[in-house]
Amino acid sequence: VDFTGIEKKAGGYRIFDYMELARDAEGRLRLAIRLTKGGIRPDVITAIQSILDVRYTLTEQVIFHHAKCAASAMLGKIATLCGLTECEDLYKIGDEGLFALLKSRIDDLPERTPDGRQLRETVGRLLENLKSRHLYKRVYRITETSRREYDKSSRVRLADQYVDSSNRAVIEESVERTFGFEPGSVILFCPAPKMSLKEARVMVVYDKVTAPLGASSKAPCAVELRSPDLAKDYPDISDRVLGLEKQYLSLWTFYGFLDPEKFGWAAAVKTELVEAIGVASDPL
């Protein structure tokens, strides 16, 4: 959390005193945290909660901050327009190497799209805007609450539909053509519905309370902090974990971003997105 302005909580590193190796249900050796020693250890739960609270704050204020989402959306759109797909070589290069690779791909693009709109120059400008942090602006937003309401009345869940880049592209291109914008002027950003629950996944071991007669008093293997077995033995812990899960899920946000040079059209673009997606925009 250095350089983010987020304060680290004292005592978080004490959690290392409770760590041990244990095997999970598949027999894999995992690093886990022991929750009990002749009974539950309240200080262990507090230490875990403290660390997860810091990670939640980091997720909320940095990882899923709207400016970071705009940068991610821009980078994804550049890669798509350049035809860049995931490959092993991408894991070997840093930021500058990636920018250089994208620049070379842009140089190979045709000057215009089949319908006559500028392509090479537009994508090149999009890359320069990203490098100089001249980020796209929000014109449309769907929160987790609005997504749940939509899902109740739809056969296809909204996140499942628009996490697919090809489905987002259909709407992006339709709006761009409506206003005569160049490719990449409108970008939709849709994370997976459980994009942040991984933050709350912690492997633990503990002394059983509800073990069947003749069973070992120890948990047979390392399990997740959010597992049903632990919830049965220690419901209070389960309640705290469920609270964290709800917090993480509430961070999900769908965005519609627009090129700042086109921001005079923001209200009209928002109206088009509402009509195309079928969900009213939450306040920005």
Protein backbone atom coordinates (compact mmCIF):
# COMPACT_ATOMS: atom_id res chain seq x y z
CA VAL A 1 0.00 0.00 0.00
CA ASP A 2 2.99 2.31 -0.25
CA PHE A 3 2.39 5.44 -2.39
CA THR A 4 -1.42 5.05 -2.23
CA GLY A 5 -2.09 7.14 0.85
CA ILE A 6 -3.71 4.16 2.58
CA GLU A 7 -2.61 3.74 6.18
CA LYS A 8 -1.26 0.34 7.20
CA LYS A 9 -2.78 -1.03 10.39
CA ALA A 10 -0.46 -1.80 13.29
CA GLY A 11 -0.14 -5.43 14.30
CA GLY A 12 -0.96 -6.87 10.89
CA TYR A 13 2.35 -8.71 10.64
CA ARG A 14 1.57 -10.68 13.82
CA ILE A 15 -0.49 -13.00 11.63
CA PHE A 16 2.73 -14.72 10.56
CA ASP A 17 2.98 -16.27 14.06
CA TYR A 18 -0.16 -18.31 13.37
CA MET A 19 0.78 -19.71 9.97
CA GLU A 20 1.47 -23.39 9.32
CA LEU A 21 1.49 -25.88 6.44
CA ALA A 22 -1.55 -28.11 5.96
CA ARG A 23 -3.00 -30.24 3.19
CA ASP A 24 -6.24 -29.27 1.46
CA ALA A 25 -9.00 -31.63 0.28
CA GLU A 26 -6.98 -32.47 -2.86
CA GLY A 27 -3.91 -33.35 -0.81
CA ARG A 28 -1.95 -30.26 -1.85
CA LEU A 29 0.28 -28.68 0.76
CA ARG A 30 -1.00 -25.18 1.48
CA LEU A 31 -0.01 -22.29 3.71
CA ALA A 32 -2.82 -21.81 6.23
CA ILE A 33 -3.62 -19.87 9.40
CA ARG A 34 -4.50 -21.76 12.61
CA LEU A 35 -7.60 -20.26 14.20
CA THR A 36 -7.70 -22.36 17.36
CA LYS A 37 -5.52 -23.56 20.20
CA GLY A 38 -7.69 -25.05 22.94
CA GLY A 39 -10.47 -22.83 21.66
CA ILE A 40 -10.84 -20.01 19.18
CA ARG A 41 -8.14 -17.31 19.13
CA PRO A 42 -9.92 -13.93 18.95
CA ASP A 43 -6.65 -12.14 18.23
CA VAL A 44 -6.13 -14.30 15.12
CA ILE A 45 -9.56 -13.39 13.75
CA THR A 46 -8.90 -9.72 14.49
CA ALA A 47 -5.53 -9.88 12.71
CA ILE A 48 -7.09 -11.50 9.62
CA GLN A 49 -9.91 -8.96 9.65
CA SER A 50 -7.40 -6.13 9.92
CA ILE A 51 -5.45 -7.31 6.86
CA LEU A 52 -8.61 -7.91 4.84
CA ASP A 53 -9.87 -4.45 5.76
CA VAL A 54 -6.66 -2.93 4.37
CA ARG A 55 -6.97 -5.03 1.20
CA TYR A 56 -10.60 -3.99 0.81
CA THR A 57 -9.59 -0.33 1.09
CA LEU A 58 -6.84 -0.89 -1.47
CA THR A 59 -9.32 -2.58 -3.81
CA GLU A 60 -11.89 0.19 -3.39
CA GLN A 61 -9.58 3.21 -3.60
CA VAL A 62 -6.95 1.96 -6.05
CA ILE A 63 -7.68 -1.25 -7.97
CA PHE A 64 -11.29 -0.37 -8.84
CA HIS A 65 -11.00 3.42 -8.70
CA HIS A 66 -12.75 4.87 -11.75
CA ALA A 67 -9.53 6.41 -13.10
CA LYS A 68 -7.75 3.05 -12.93
CA CYS A 69 -10.76 1.40 -14.60
CA ALA A 70 -10.60 4.03 -17.38
CA ALA A 71 -6.91 3.28 -17.95
CA SER A 72 -7.62 -0.48 -18.02
CA ALA A 73 -10.48 0.04 -20.48
CA MET A 74 -8.29 2.17 -22.75
CA LEU A 75 -5.47 -0.38 -22.71
CA GLY A 76 -7.88 -3.21 -23.48
CA LYS A 77 -9.43 -1.30 -26.37
CA ILE A 78 -6.01 -0.51 -27.87
CA ALA A 79 -5.02 -4.17 -27.66
CA THR A 80 -8.31 -5.20 -29.30
CA LEU A 81 -8.04 -2.71 -32.15
CA CYS A 82 -4.45 -3.83 -32.73
CA GLY A 83 -5.37 -7.51 -32.68
CA LEU A 84 -3.06 -8.18 -29.73
CA THR A 85 -3.98 -11.36 -27.85
CA GLU A 86 -2.55 -13.02 -24.76
CA CYS A 87 0.78 -14.77 -25.32
CA GLU A 88 3.83 -15.85 -23.33
CA ASP A 89 5.93 -12.95 -24.64
CA LEU A 90 3.72 -10.44 -22.82
CA TYR A 91 4.85 -11.84 -19.46
CA LYS A 92 8.47 -11.00 -20.27
CA ILE A 93 8.09 -7.27 -20.96
CA GLY A 94 7.36 -4.30 -18.73
CA ASP A 95 5.28 -1.20 -19.36
CA GLU A 96 7.68 0.37 -21.84
CA GLY A 97 8.03 -2.90 -23.72
CA LEU A 98 4.24 -3.22 -23.95
CA PHE A 99 3.87 0.35 -25.22
CA ALA A 100 6.55 -0.29 -27.83
CA LEU A 101 4.80 -3.48 -28.93
CA LEU A 102 1.47 -1.68 -29.23
CA LYS A 103 3.09 1.16 -31.18
CA SER A 104 4.51 -1.32 -33.69
CA ARG A 105 1.09 -2.95 -34.04
CA ILE A 106 -0.54 0.44 -34.59
CA ASP A 107 1.95 1.28 -37.36
CA ASP A 108 0.77 -1.85 -39.19
CA LEU A 109 -2.92 -0.90 -39.03
CA PRO A 110 -4.71 0.34 -42.16
CA GLU A 111 -5.19 4.09 -42.32
CA ARG A 112 -8.98 3.80 -42.33
CA THR A 113 -11.75 1.36 -41.47
CA PRO A 114 -13.83 -0.20 -44.29
CA ASP A 115 -16.49 2.47 -43.70
CA GLY A 116 -13.96 5.30 -44.09
CA ARG A 117 -13.31 6.31 -40.48
CA GLN A 118 -9.76 7.06 -39.34
CA LEU A 119 -8.16 4.07 -37.63
CA ARG A 120 -4.37 4.20 -37.43
CA GLU A 121 -4.20 7.83 -36.30
CA THR A 122 -7.07 7.38 -33.84
CA VAL A 123 -5.58 4.33 -32.14
CA GLY A 124 -2.19 6.04 -32.02
CA ARG A 125 -3.76 9.03 -30.27
CA LEU A 126 -5.51 6.68 -27.83
CA LEU A 127 -2.15 5.15 -26.92
CA GLU A 128 -0.55 8.57 -26.43
CA ASN A 129 -3.46 9.64 -24.23
CA LEU A 130 -2.97 6.56 -22.07
CA LYS A 131 0.78 7.13 -21.74
CA SER A 132 0.25 10.78 -20.77
CA ARG A 133 -2.64 9.86 -18.41
CA HIS A 134 -5.13 11.86 -20.44
CA LEU A 135 -7.83 9.41 -19.46
CA TYR A 136 -11.33 8.91 -20.83
CA LYS A 137 -14.21 10.32 -18.79
CA ARG A 138 -17.21 8.54 -17.30
CA VAL A 139 -20.56 9.08 -18.98
CA TYR A 140 -22.38 5.95 -17.79
CA ARG A 141 -22.33 3.81 -14.63
CA ILE A 142 -24.13 0.72 -13.33
CA THR A 143 -23.60 -0.26 -9.69
CA GLU A 144 -23.92 -3.69 -8.08
CA THR A 145 -27.40 -2.79 -6.78
CA SER A 146 -28.66 -1.89 -10.26
CA ARG A 147 -27.08 -5.03 -11.70
CA ARG A 148 -28.98 -7.23 -9.23
CA GLU A 149 -32.25 -5.52 -10.15
CA TYR A 150 -31.56 -6.08 -13.85
CA ASP A 151 -30.69 -9.74 -13.30
CA LYS A 152 -34.03 -10.40 -11.58
CA SER A 153 -35.95 -9.63 -14.75
CA SER A 154 -33.50 -10.81 -17.43
CA ARG A 155 -32.75 -14.26 -18.81
CA VAL A 156 -29.07 -13.34 -19.17
CA ARG A 157 -27.16 -11.83 -16.27
CA LEU A 158 -25.74 -8.44 -17.17
CA ALA A 159 -22.17 -9.15 -16.06
CA ASP A 160 -22.09 -12.50 -17.87
CA GLN A 161 -23.25 -10.78 -21.04
CA TYR A 162 -20.88 -7.81 -21.07
CA VAL A 163 -17.78 -9.38 -19.61
CA ASP A 164 -17.49 -10.70 -23.19
CA SER A 165 -15.58 -8.02 -25.13
CA SER A 166 -17.36 -8.87 -28.38
CA ASN A 167 -20.73 -7.99 -26.84
CA ARG A 168 -19.34 -4.71 -25.56
CA ALA A 169 -17.87 -3.97 -28.98
CA VAL A 170 -21.29 -4.25 -30.64
CA ILE A 171 -22.63 -1.43 -28.49
CA GLU A 172 -19.45 0.65 -28.65
CA GLU A 173 -19.40 0.57 -32.44
CA SER A 174 -23.13 1.27 -32.70
CA VAL A 175 -22.85 4.40 -30.56
CA GLU A 176 -19.72 5.54 -32.40
CA ARG A 177 -21.45 5.21 -35.78
CA THR A 178 -24.52 7.05 -34.49
CA PHE A 179 -22.42 10.13 -33.73
CA GLY A 180 -19.79 9.68 -36.43
CA PHE A 181 -17.02 9.04 -33.90
CA GLU A 182 -13.73 7.30 -34.71
CA PRO A 183 -13.15 3.72 -33.45
CA GLY A 184 -12.24 3.62 -29.77
CA SER A 185 -14.07 6.84 -28.85
CA VAL A 186 -16.57 4.96 -26.65
CA ILE A 187 -15.34 2.19 -24.34
CA LEU A 188 -17.36 -0.03 -22.01
CA PHE A 189 -15.76 -1.57 -18.93
CA CYS A 190 -17.36 -4.61 -17.27
CA PRO A 191 -15.52 -6.66 -14.61
CA ALA A 192 -16.48 -10.25 -13.80
CA PRO A 193 -19.28 -10.41 -11.19
CA LYS A 194 -17.00 -11.95 -8.55
CA MET A 195 -13.94 -9.95 -9.56
CA SER A 196 -12.86 -9.16 -6.00
CA LEU A 197 -13.93 -12.13 -3.86
CA LYS A 198 -10.47 -13.63 -4.24
CA GLU A 199 -9.33 -11.00 -1.76
CA ALA A 200 -11.41 -12.66 0.99
CA ARG A 201 -10.15 -16.18 0.35
CA VAL A 202 -7.93 -17.34 3.23
CA MET A 203 -6.91 -20.93 3.99
CA VAL A 204 -7.33 -21.89 7.66
CA VAL A 205 -7.15 -24.89 9.99
CA TYR A 206 -9.07 -25.21 13.25
CA ASP A 207 -10.24 -27.54 16.02
CA LYS A 208 -13.58 -29.17 15.19
CA VAL A 209 -16.63 -28.54 17.38
CA THR A 210 -19.27 -30.55 15.51
CA ALA A 211 -17.10 -33.54 14.56
CA PRO A 212 -19.05 -36.85 14.37
CA LEU A 213 -18.53 -39.41 17.13
CA GLY A 214 -15.17 -41.10 16.75
CA ALA A 215 -13.89 -38.48 14.28
CA SER A 216 -10.69 -36.58 14.81
CA SER A 217 -10.99 -33.42 16.89
CA LYS A 218 -8.88 -31.64 14.31
CA ALA A 219 -10.05 -30.30 10.98
CA PRO A 220 -9.08 -32.93 8.37
CA CYS A 221 -7.52 -30.36 6.07
CA ALA A 222 -7.01 -26.72 5.31
CA VAL A 223 -10.26 -25.04 4.24
CA GLU A 224 -11.26 -21.56 3.18
CA LEU A 225 -12.19 -19.08 5.86
CA ARG A 226 -15.55 -18.83 4.07
CA SER A 227 -16.22 -22.62 3.99
CA PRO A 228 -19.58 -24.11 5.16
CA ASP A 229 -17.80 -26.46 7.59
CA LEU A 230 -16.20 -23.59 9.46
CA ALA A 231 -19.52 -21.72 9.44
CA LYS A 232 -21.15 -24.71 11.15
CA ASP A 233 -18.50 -24.86 13.88
CA TYR A 234 -17.99 -21.13 14.36
CA PRO A 235 -21.03 -19.15 13.10
CA ASP A 236 -19.74 -15.86 14.51
CA ILE A 237 -16.66 -16.08 12.29
CA SER A 238 -18.85 -16.94 9.34
CA ASP A 239 -20.97 -13.82 9.91
CA ARG A 240 -17.87 -11.62 9.84
CA VAL A 241 -16.65 -13.26 6.63
CA LEU A 242 -20.05 -12.85 4.95
CA GLY A 243 -19.92 -9.17 5.83
CA LEU A 244 -16.57 -8.88 4.07
CA GLU A 245 -17.92 -10.72 1.01
CA LYS A 246 -20.83 -8.30 0.73
CA GLN A 247 -18.37 -5.41 0.91
CA TYR A 248 -16.24 -6.84 -1.90
CA LEU A 249 -19.22 -7.63 -4.12
CA SER A 250 -20.51 -4.08 -3.71
CA LEU A 251 -17.41 -2.78 -5.52
CA TRP A 252 -18.55 -4.19 -8.87
CA THR A 253 -19.20 -1.32 -11.30
CA PHE A 254 -19.90 -1.19 -15.03
CA TYR A 255 -18.66 1.96 -16.78
CA GLY A 256 -19.14 3.69 -20.08
CA PHE A 257 -16.16 5.92 -20.93
CA LEU A 258 -15.90 8.63 -23.58
CA ASP A 259 -12.98 10.37 -25.28
CA PRO A 260 -12.57 13.75 -23.48
CA GLU A 261 -12.46 15.51 -26.85
CA LYS A 262 -16.02 14.26 -27.45
CA PHE A 263 -17.32 15.17 -24.00
CA GLY A 264 -19.68 17.76 -25.42
CA TRP A 265 -21.71 14.76 -26.56
CA ALA A 266 -21.70 13.14 -23.10
CA ALA A 267 -25.43 13.48 -22.39
CA ALA A 268 -26.42 12.14 -25.81
CA VAL A 269 -23.96 9.24 -25.56
CA LYS A 270 -25.32 8.38 -22.11
CA THR A 271 -28.85 8.29 -23.52
CA GLU A 272 -27.73 5.94 -26.31
CA LEU A 273 -26.03 3.61 -23.81
CA VAL A 274 -29.10 3.50 -21.58
CA GLU A 275 -31.23 2.52 -24.56
CA ALA A 276 -28.76 -0.05 -25.88
CA ILE A 277 -28.03 -1.75 -22.55
CA GLY A 278 -31.47 -1.35 -21.00
CA VAL A 279 -30.30 -0.09 -17.61
CA ALA A 280 -30.53 3.50 -16.39
CA SER A 281 -27.25 5.07 -15.35
CA ASP A 282 -26.54 5.47 -11.64
CA PRO A 283 -25.16 8.87 -10.55
CA LEU A 284 -21.55 9.36 -11.65
